[in-house]
Amino acid sequence: MKYAVLILRRAQKELANISRENFDQIRDATQELGDNPRPEGCIKLRGRDGWRIRVGNYRIVYEIDDDQMSVTVLNIGHRRDIYR
């Protein structure tokens, strides 16, 4: 079953500031969340709602709504900045 992938406006802005090489990898990983919202290596976050996946030095933080069959991307950023 395919999940709808929604990217919040703030995550879109963060994505726009990423270099082209990393942009392509992050875009592909984000699209793959529609097919498998819990890929190998994903981690449930502690201290806040959501999940995260690693794409090189970048992290994608997202929420999964199984009832609505949707994945909402909350934040995209470098690993040193994403959890602040």
N, C-alpha and C. Protein backbone atom coordinates (compact mmCIF):
# COMPACT_ATOMS: atom_id res chain seq x y z
N MET A 1 0.84 -1.18 0.00
CA MET A 1 0.00 0.00 0.00
C MET A 1 0.88 1.24 0.00
N LYS A 2 0.50 2.20 -0.77
CA LYS A 2 1.27 3.42 -0.94
C LYS A 2 0.79 4.49 0.03
N TYR A 3 1.74 5.11 0.72
CA TYR A 3 1.45 6.22 1.62
C TYR A 3 1.64 7.53 0.86
N ALA A 4 0.82 8.53 1.17
CA ALA A 4 0.99 9.86 0.60
C ALA A 4 2.11 10.55 1.38
N VAL A 5 3.03 11.20 0.68
CA VAL A 5 4.13 11.91 1.32
C VAL A 5 3.86 13.40 1.24
N LEU A 6 3.73 14.03 2.41
CA LEU A 6 3.50 15.47 2.50
C LEU A 6 4.73 16.11 3.11
N ILE A 7 5.19 17.20 2.51
CA ILE A 7 6.39 17.89 3.02
C ILE A 7 5.95 19.27 3.50
N LEU A 8 6.14 19.52 4.80
CA LEU A 8 5.77 20.82 5.34
C LEU A 8 6.58 21.93 4.70
N ARG A 9 6.04 23.13 4.72
CA ARG A 9 6.69 24.27 4.08
C ARG A 9 8.08 24.53 4.65
N ARG A 10 8.23 24.41 5.98
CA ARG A 10 9.55 24.65 6.58
C ARG A 10 10.56 23.62 6.10
N ALA A 11 10.12 22.37 5.90
CA ALA A 11 11.02 21.33 5.38
C ALA A 11 11.37 21.62 3.93
N GLN A 12 10.44 22.16 3.16
CA GLN A 12 10.71 22.53 1.78
C GLN A 12 11.77 23.63 1.71
N LYS A 13 11.68 24.59 2.62
CA LYS A 13 12.68 25.67 2.67
C LYS A 13 14.05 25.12 3.05
N GLU A 14 14.08 24.21 4.02
CA GLU A 14 15.35 23.60 4.42
C GLU A 14 15.95 22.81 3.26
N LEU A 15 15.12 22.13 2.52
CA LEU A 15 15.57 21.34 1.38
C LEU A 15 16.12 22.22 0.27
N ALA A 16 15.55 23.39 0.10
CA ALA A 16 15.99 24.31 -0.95
C ALA A 16 17.41 24.83 -0.69
N ASN A 17 17.87 24.79 0.55
CA ASN A 17 19.20 25.30 0.90
C ASN A 17 20.28 24.23 0.89
N ILE A 18 19.95 23.04 0.45
CA ILE A 18 20.91 21.92 0.45
C ILE A 18 21.56 21.82 -0.92
N SER A 19 22.84 21.44 -0.93
CA SER A 19 23.59 21.32 -2.20
C SER A 19 22.92 20.31 -3.12
N ARG A 20 23.16 20.46 -4.41
CA ARG A 20 22.49 19.63 -5.42
C ARG A 20 22.77 18.13 -5.24
N GLU A 21 24.00 17.79 -4.92
CA GLU A 21 24.36 16.38 -4.73
C GLU A 21 23.53 15.74 -3.60
N ASN A 22 23.47 16.43 -2.47
CA ASN A 22 22.70 15.92 -1.34
C ASN A 22 21.20 16.03 -1.58
N PHE A 23 20.80 17.04 -2.32
CA PHE A 23 19.39 17.25 -2.63
C PHE A 23 18.80 16.02 -3.32
N ASP A 24 19.50 15.49 -4.31
CA ASP A 24 19.01 14.34 -5.06
C ASP A 24 18.84 13.12 -4.16
N GLN A 25 19.81 12.88 -3.28
CA GLN A 25 19.72 11.74 -2.37
C GLN A 25 18.55 11.90 -1.40
N ILE A 26 18.39 13.09 -0.87
CA ILE A 26 17.31 13.36 0.09
C ILE A 26 15.96 13.26 -0.59
N ARG A 27 15.85 13.80 -1.80
CA ARG A 27 14.59 13.73 -2.55
C ARG A 27 14.20 12.27 -2.78
N ASP A 28 15.16 11.46 -3.19
CA ASP A 28 14.87 10.04 -3.44
C ASP A 28 14.45 9.32 -2.16
N ALA A 29 15.14 9.59 -1.06
CA ALA A 29 14.80 8.95 0.22
C ALA A 29 13.41 9.38 0.68
N THR A 30 13.07 10.64 0.46
CA THR A 30 11.75 11.14 0.85
C THR A 30 10.66 10.46 0.03
N GLN A 31 10.88 10.30 -1.26
CA GLN A 31 9.89 9.62 -2.11
C GLN A 31 9.73 8.16 -1.74
N GLU A 32 10.80 7.52 -1.32
CA GLU A 32 10.74 6.11 -0.93
C GLU A 32 9.94 5.89 0.35
N LEU A 33 9.76 6.94 1.15
CA LEU A 33 8.95 6.82 2.36
C LEU A 33 7.50 6.48 2.02
N GLY A 34 7.06 6.85 0.83
CA GLY A 34 5.71 6.52 0.39
C GLY A 34 5.51 5.02 0.23
N ASP A 35 6.55 4.33 -0.19
CA ASP A 35 6.48 2.88 -0.37
C ASP A 35 6.71 2.13 0.94
N ASN A 36 7.62 2.66 1.76
CA ASN A 36 7.97 2.00 3.01
C ASN A 36 8.27 3.07 4.06
N PRO A 37 7.29 3.46 4.88
CA PRO A 37 7.51 4.53 5.86
C PRO A 37 8.42 4.15 7.03
N ARG A 38 8.71 2.88 7.16
CA ARG A 38 9.61 2.42 8.22
C ARG A 38 10.75 1.60 7.59
N PRO A 39 11.62 2.27 6.82
CA PRO A 39 12.71 1.53 6.16
C PRO A 39 13.74 1.05 7.17
N GLU A 40 14.59 0.16 6.72
CA GLU A 40 15.66 -0.32 7.58
C GLU A 40 16.53 0.85 8.01
N GLY A 41 16.82 0.93 9.29
CA GLY A 41 17.65 2.01 9.81
C GLY A 41 16.86 3.19 10.35
N CYS A 42 15.54 3.19 10.19
CA CYS A 42 14.76 4.30 10.75
C CYS A 42 14.69 4.14 12.26
N ILE A 43 14.55 5.26 12.95
CA ILE A 43 14.53 5.23 14.41
C ILE A 43 13.37 6.07 14.91
N LYS A 44 12.63 5.54 15.87
CA LYS A 44 11.58 6.29 16.55
C LYS A 44 12.25 7.26 17.49
N LEU A 45 11.89 8.53 17.40
CA LEU A 45 12.53 9.56 18.22
C LEU A 45 12.03 9.51 19.65
N ARG A 46 12.91 9.85 20.56
CA ARG A 46 12.56 9.98 21.97
C ARG A 46 12.53 11.47 22.29
N GLY A 47 11.59 11.88 23.11
CA GLY A 47 11.52 13.28 23.51
C GLY A 47 10.68 14.14 22.58
N ARG A 48 10.29 13.60 21.44
CA ARG A 48 9.40 14.30 20.51
C ARG A 48 8.76 13.26 19.59
N ASP A 49 7.66 13.63 19.01
CA ASP A 49 6.98 12.70 18.11
C ASP A 49 7.74 12.58 16.81
N GLY A 50 7.67 11.42 16.22
CA GLY A 50 8.23 11.25 14.90
C GLY A 50 9.27 10.16 14.78
N TRP A 51 9.74 10.02 13.56
CA TRP A 51 10.75 9.07 13.17
C TRP A 51 11.85 9.82 12.45
N ARG A 52 13.01 9.17 12.27
CA ARG A 52 14.06 9.80 11.49
C ARG A 52 14.81 8.76 10.68
N ILE A 53 15.26 9.22 9.51
CA ILE A 53 16.15 8.40 8.71
C ILE A 53 17.38 9.22 8.39
N ARG A 54 18.48 8.51 8.16
CA ARG A 54 19.75 9.15 7.83
C ARG A 54 19.98 9.08 6.33
N VAL A 55 20.43 10.20 5.78
CA VAL A 55 20.84 10.26 4.39
C VAL A 55 22.19 10.98 4.39
N GLY A 56 23.26 10.21 4.47
CA GLY A 56 24.59 10.81 4.59
C GLY A 56 24.69 11.57 5.91
N ASN A 57 25.08 12.84 5.84
CA ASN A 57 25.16 13.68 7.03
C ASN A 57 23.86 14.41 7.33
N TYR A 58 22.83 14.11 6.58
CA TYR A 58 21.54 14.78 6.76
C TYR A 58 20.54 13.84 7.40
N ARG A 59 19.54 14.42 8.03
CA ARG A 59 18.48 13.67 8.68
C ARG A 59 17.14 14.16 8.16
N ILE A 60 16.21 13.23 8.00
CA ILE A 60 14.83 13.54 7.65
C ILE A 60 13.97 13.12 8.83
N VAL A 61 13.27 14.08 9.42
CA VAL A 61 12.40 13.82 10.56
C VAL A 61 10.97 13.86 10.05
N TYR A 62 10.19 12.82 10.36
CA TYR A 62 8.84 12.72 9.81
C TYR A 62 7.91 12.01 10.77
N GLU A 63 6.61 12.17 10.52
CA GLU A 63 5.57 11.48 11.27
C GLU A 63 4.83 10.54 10.34
N ILE A 64 4.33 9.45 10.89
CA ILE A 64 3.57 8.48 10.12
C ILE A 64 2.15 8.43 10.67
N ASP A 65 1.16 8.53 9.78
CA ASP A 65 -0.24 8.38 10.16
C ASP A 65 -0.77 7.16 9.41
N ASP A 66 -0.81 6.02 10.10
CA ASP A 66 -1.24 4.78 9.46
C ASP A 66 -2.73 4.80 9.12
N ASP A 67 -3.54 5.51 9.90
CA ASP A 67 -4.97 5.57 9.61
C ASP A 67 -5.24 6.32 8.30
N GLN A 68 -4.54 7.41 8.08
CA GLN A 68 -4.72 8.22 6.87
C GLN A 68 -3.80 7.79 5.73
N MET A 69 -2.91 6.84 6.01
CA MET A 69 -1.93 6.37 5.02
C MET A 69 -1.10 7.53 4.49
N SER A 70 -0.51 8.30 5.44
CA SER A 70 0.30 9.44 5.03
C SER A 70 1.57 9.55 5.86
N VAL A 71 2.58 10.13 5.25
CA VAL A 71 3.85 10.44 5.90
C VAL A 71 4.04 11.94 5.77
N THR A 72 4.26 12.64 6.88
CA THR A 72 4.47 14.08 6.86
C THR A 72 5.91 14.37 7.25
N VAL A 73 6.66 14.96 6.32
CA VAL A 73 8.06 15.32 6.58
C VAL A 73 8.06 16.64 7.35
N LEU A 74 8.62 16.61 8.56
CA LEU A 74 8.63 17.77 9.44
C LEU A 74 9.87 18.64 9.25
N ASN A 75 11.04 18.01 9.22
CA ASN A 75 12.30 18.74 9.11
C ASN A 75 13.29 17.95 8.27
N ILE A 76 14.15 18.70 7.59
CA ILE A 76 15.27 18.12 6.86
C ILE A 76 16.46 19.00 7.18
N GLY A 77 17.54 18.40 7.63
CA GLY A 77 18.70 19.23 7.96
C GLY A 77 19.95 18.43 8.24
N HIS A 78 21.04 19.15 8.38
CA HIS A 78 22.33 18.54 8.70
C HIS A 78 22.26 17.97 10.10
N ARG A 79 22.98 16.91 10.34
CA ARG A 79 22.90 16.21 11.63
C ARG A 79 23.27 17.08 12.82
N ARG A 80 24.12 18.09 12.62
CA ARG A 80 24.53 18.94 13.75
C ARG A 80 23.46 19.95 14.11
N ASP A 81 22.50 20.21 13.21
CA ASP A 81 21.49 21.25 13.42
C ASP A 81 20.07 20.72 13.62
N ILE A 82 19.79 19.54 13.18
CA ILE A 82 18.41 19.07 13.07
C ILE A 82 17.69 18.94 14.42
N TYR A 83 18.38 18.60 15.48
CA TYR A 83 17.71 18.34 16.75
C TYR A 83 17.67 19.56 17.67
N ARG A 84 18.15 20.69 17.22
CA ARG A 84 18.14 21.90 18.05
C ARG A 84 16.81 22.58 18.04
